[in-house]
Structures are given as C-alpha cells and as structure tokens.
C-alpha cells in the first residue's frame, strides 16, 4: 500500500479521480493508501476530506488509523466538524494504544483551536 500512496502523492489529481470511482468492494488497503498519499501531496485538503467521508464506514483498525493520520497532516487547514465527530467517536479505541500515541486528542485540540 505504501507504493500506491507514493503514486498518489506523485499524481494526486489522477488518483483522486480514480479513487472517487472505486467500487464498494475494493480492499480498504487501497482506500487508506490513497487517502494517505493525497494527504502528503500538493493537493487540496478537501480531496482528503471528501474521500475520508466517502469511505470512512469501510475503514476499520489499521486502515482507519491511517486515514486519521492523513487527516492530522491536514489539520493546520482545519478539519471539518463532521470529520471531527467521526474522530471523536473513535477516541475510545485509542485508549489501548501506547501512551506516546496522542494523535487523536492532539489533532482534535489543534483543529478546534484554529476554528
């Protein structure tokens, strides 16, 4: 999936359009990789937000964490409230992560401070 993320990063518009057409049964590996690649690309943050919204219900476990980290990379532009709600719903699942993994709370606080 890292190879796909690198391709997406190199050609964000092409892959954004492709991912928008992904069938519902495509592997979440591809979805998470595409969201991750877009978050690192010189592409509009709204593309990351849109794809996260569209596919969030299919992302679980490591794929969901990957999407959340992708959102963190775009936090400085402000993550939309509906995605913050999605993240807040996932916070209890992060209590089992190592203590040095403070991503969800840190991102939520940073994003709220900017609004």
C-alpha atoms as a PDB file:
ATOM      1  CA  UNK A   1       0.000   0.000   0.000  1.00  0.00           C
ATOM      2  CA  UNK A   2       2.982   2.335   0.515  1.00  0.00           C
ATOM      3  CA  UNK A   3       3.804   2.044  -3.190  1.00  0.00           C
ATOM      4  CA  UNK A   4       0.269   3.145  -4.070  1.00  0.00           C
ATOM      5  CA  UNK A   5       0.466   6.042  -1.610  1.00  0.00           C
ATOM      6  CA  UNK A   6       3.662   7.194  -3.326  1.00  0.00           C
ATOM      7  CA  UNK A   7       1.981   7.030  -6.747  1.00  0.00           C
ATOM      8  CA  UNK A   8      -0.969   9.033  -5.428  1.00  0.00           C
ATOM      9  CA  UNK A   9       1.419  11.603  -3.983  1.00  0.00           C
ATOM     10  CA  UNK A  10       3.137  11.919  -7.372  1.00  0.00           C
ATOM     11  CA  UNK A  11      -0.105  12.213  -9.381  1.00  0.00           C
ATOM     12  CA  UNK A  12      -2.772  13.423  -6.944  1.00  0.00           C
ATOM     13  CA  UNK A  13      -5.406  14.618  -9.399  1.00  0.00           C
ATOM     14  CA  UNK A  14      -5.308  11.421 -11.451  1.00  0.00           C
ATOM     15  CA  UNK A  15      -5.659   9.194  -8.395  1.00  0.00           C
ATOM     16  CA  UNK A  16      -8.232  11.412  -6.685  1.00  0.00           C
ATOM     17  CA  UNK A  17     -10.489  10.952  -9.709  1.00  0.00           C
ATOM     18  CA  UNK A  18      -9.775   7.233  -9.759  1.00  0.00           C
ATOM     19  CA  UNK A  19     -10.481   6.727  -6.051  1.00  0.00           C
ATOM     20  CA  UNK A  20     -13.786   8.571  -6.390  1.00  0.00           C
ATOM     21  CA  UNK A  21     -14.818   5.759  -8.735  1.00  0.00           C
ATOM     22  CA  UNK A  22     -13.620   2.866  -6.554  1.00  0.00           C
ATOM     23  CA  UNK A  23     -16.265   0.135  -6.310  1.00  0.00           C
ATOM     24  CA  UNK A  24     -17.743  -0.611  -2.887  1.00  0.00           C
ATOM     25  CA  UNK A  25     -15.980  -3.962  -2.698  1.00  0.00           C
ATOM     26  CA  UNK A  26     -12.425  -2.698  -3.206  1.00  0.00           C
ATOM     27  CA  UNK A  27      -9.946  -3.546  -0.477  1.00  0.00           C
ATOM     28  CA  UNK A  28      -9.637  -0.941   2.279  1.00  0.00           C
ATOM     29  CA  UNK A  29      -5.848  -1.151   1.781  1.00  0.00           C
ATOM     30  CA  UNK A  30      -6.257   0.799  -1.450  1.00  0.00           C
ATOM     31  CA  UNK A  31      -8.590   3.352   0.112  1.00  0.00           C
ATOM     32  CA  UNK A  32      -6.288   4.018   3.066  1.00  0.00           C
ATOM     33  CA  UNK A  33      -3.230   4.235   0.790  1.00  0.00           C
ATOM     34  CA  UNK A  34      -4.973   6.708  -1.497  1.00  0.00           C
ATOM     35  CA  UNK A  35      -6.080   8.913   1.398  1.00  0.00           C
ATOM     36  CA  UNK A  36      -2.585   8.781   2.866  1.00  0.00           C
ATOM     37  CA  UNK A  37      -0.958   9.678  -0.455  1.00  0.00           C
ATOM     38  CA  UNK A  38      -3.319  12.584  -1.023  1.00  0.00           C
ATOM     39  CA  UNK A  39      -2.628  13.942   2.445  1.00  0.00           C
ATOM     40  CA  UNK A  40       1.082  14.130   1.577  1.00  0.00           C
ATOM     41  CA  UNK A  41       0.555  15.535  -1.913  1.00  0.00           C
ATOM     42  CA  UNK A  42       0.303  19.092  -3.094  1.00  0.00           C
ATOM     43  CA  UNK A  43      -3.456  18.679  -3.459  1.00  0.00           C
ATOM     44  CA  UNK A  44      -6.497  20.391  -1.951  1.00  0.00           C
ATOM     45  CA  UNK A  45      -7.265  19.299   1.602  1.00  0.00           C
ATOM     46  CA  UNK A  46     -10.912  18.966   0.577  1.00  0.00           C
ATOM     47  CA  UNK A  47      -9.946  15.956  -1.558  1.00  0.00           C
ATOM     48  CA  UNK A  48      -8.626  14.198   1.548  1.00  0.00           C
ATOM     49  CA  UNK A  49     -11.739  15.153   3.489  1.00  0.00           C
ATOM     50  CA  UNK A  50     -14.106  14.022   0.733  1.00  0.00           C
ATOM     51  CA  UNK A  51     -12.503  10.613   0.308  1.00  0.00           C
ATOM     52  CA  UNK A  52     -12.378  10.094   4.064  1.00  0.00           C
ATOM     53  CA  UNK A  53     -16.094  10.881   4.349  1.00  0.00           C
ATOM     54  CA  UNK A  54     -16.979   8.676   1.405  1.00  0.00           C
ATOM     55  CA  UNK A  55     -15.075   5.618   2.604  1.00  0.00           C
ATOM     56  CA  UNK A  56     -14.970   6.039   6.404  1.00  0.00           C
ATOM     57  CA  UNK A  57     -17.565   3.336   7.001  1.00  0.00           C
ATOM     58  CA  UNK A  58     -15.348   0.762   5.314  1.00  0.00           C
ATOM     59  CA  UNK A  59     -12.172   1.679   7.165  1.00  0.00           C
ATOM     60  CA  UNK A  60     -11.513  -0.267  10.340  1.00  0.00           C
ATOM     61  CA  UNK A  61      -8.473  -0.931  12.504  1.00  0.00           C
ATOM     62  CA  UNK A  62      -5.173  -0.018  10.862  1.00  0.00           C
ATOM     63  CA  UNK A  63      -6.928   1.448   7.803  1.00  0.00           C
ATOM     64  CA  UNK A  64      -8.978   3.801   9.948  1.00  0.00           C
ATOM     65  CA  UNK A  65      -5.853   4.847  11.871  1.00  0.00           C
ATOM     66  CA  UNK A  66      -4.112   5.514   8.580  1.00  0.00           C
ATOM     67  CA  UNK A  67      -6.975   7.767   7.476  1.00  0.00           C
ATOM     68  CA  UNK A  68      -6.887   9.595  10.810  1.00  0.00           C
ATOM     69  CA  UNK A  69      -3.152  10.209  10.492  1.00  0.00           C
ATOM     70  CA  UNK A  70      -3.785  11.512   6.993  1.00  0.00           C
ATOM     71  CA  UNK A  71      -6.267  13.998   8.441  1.00  0.00           C
ATOM     72  CA  UNK A  72      -3.727  15.033  11.052  1.00  0.00           C
ATOM     73  CA  UNK A  73      -1.361  16.015   8.239  1.00  0.00           C
ATOM     74  CA  UNK A  74      -4.044  18.428   7.028  1.00  0.00           C
ATOM     75  CA  UNK A  75      -5.122  19.676  10.469  1.00  0.00           C
ATOM     76  CA  UNK A  76      -3.471  23.073  10.023  1.00  0.00           C
ATOM     77  CA  UNK A  77      -6.090  23.989   7.391  1.00  0.00           C
ATOM     78  CA  UNK A  78      -8.856  22.942   9.779  1.00  0.00           C
ATOM     79  CA  UNK A  79     -10.601  19.596   9.676  1.00  0.00           C
ATOM     80  CA  UNK A  80     -14.371  19.922   9.072  1.00  0.00           C
ATOM     81  CA  UNK A  81     -16.643  19.366  12.068  1.00  0.00           C
ATOM     82  CA  UNK A  82     -18.268  16.247  10.618  1.00  0.00           C
ATOM     83  CA  UNK A  83     -14.878  14.555  10.398  1.00  0.00           C
ATOM     84  CA  UNK A  84     -14.055  15.663  13.949  1.00  0.00           C
ATOM     85  CA  UNK A  85     -17.236  13.942  15.103  1.00  0.00           C
ATOM     86  CA  UNK A  86     -16.114  10.810  13.286  1.00  0.00           C
ATOM     87  CA  UNK A  87     -12.778  11.030  15.090  1.00  0.00           C
ATOM     88  CA  UNK A  88     -14.359  11.701  18.470  1.00  0.00           C
ATOM     89  CA  UNK A  89     -16.411   8.548  18.028  1.00  0.00           C
ATOM     90  CA  UNK A  90     -13.157   6.626  17.606  1.00  0.00           C
ATOM     91  CA  UNK A  91     -11.289   8.056  20.611  1.00  0.00           C
ATOM     92  CA  UNK A  92     -12.201   5.200  22.993  1.00  0.00           C
ATOM     93  CA  UNK A  93     -10.495   2.763  20.620  1.00  0.00           C
ATOM     94  CA  UNK A  94      -7.234   4.660  21.042  1.00  0.00           C
ATOM     95  CA  UNK A  95      -7.065   4.205  24.801  1.00  0.00           C
ATOM     96  CA  UNK A  96      -5.297   0.891  24.193  1.00  0.00           C
ATOM     97  CA  UNK A  97      -2.552   2.483  22.095  1.00  0.00           C
ATOM     98  CA  UNK A  98       0.854   3.242  23.615  1.00  0.00           C
ATOM     99  CA  UNK A  99       0.990   6.359  25.776  1.00  0.00           C
ATOM    100  CA  UNK A 100       3.198   8.166  23.251  1.00  0.00           C
ATOM    101  CA  UNK A 101       0.464   7.925  20.588  1.00  0.00           C
ATOM    102  CA  UNK A 102      -1.530  11.062  21.353  1.00  0.00           C
ATOM    103  CA  UNK A 103      -2.676  11.699  17.791  1.00  0.00           C
ATOM    104  CA  UNK A 104      -6.484  11.849  18.158  1.00  0.00           C
ATOM    105  CA  UNK A 105      -6.678  14.165  21.143  1.00  0.00           C
ATOM    106  CA  UNK A 106      -3.795  16.326  19.913  1.00  0.00           C
ATOM    107  CA  UNK A 107      -5.344  16.723  16.479  1.00  0.00           C
ATOM    108  CA  UNK A 108      -8.789  17.485  17.869  1.00  0.00           C
ATOM    109  CA  UNK A 109      -7.363  20.146  20.160  1.00  0.00           C
ATOM    110  CA  UNK A 110      -5.192  21.723  17.455  1.00  0.00           C
ATOM    111  CA  UNK A 111      -8.039  21.826  14.968  1.00  0.00           C
ATOM    112  CA  UNK A 112     -10.509  23.296  17.439  1.00  0.00           C
ATOM    113  CA  UNK A 113      -8.014  25.980  18.440  1.00  0.00           C
ATOM    114  CA  UNK A 114      -7.838  27.126  14.813  1.00  0.00           C
ATOM    115  CA  UNK A 115     -11.581  27.489  14.363  1.00  0.00           C
END
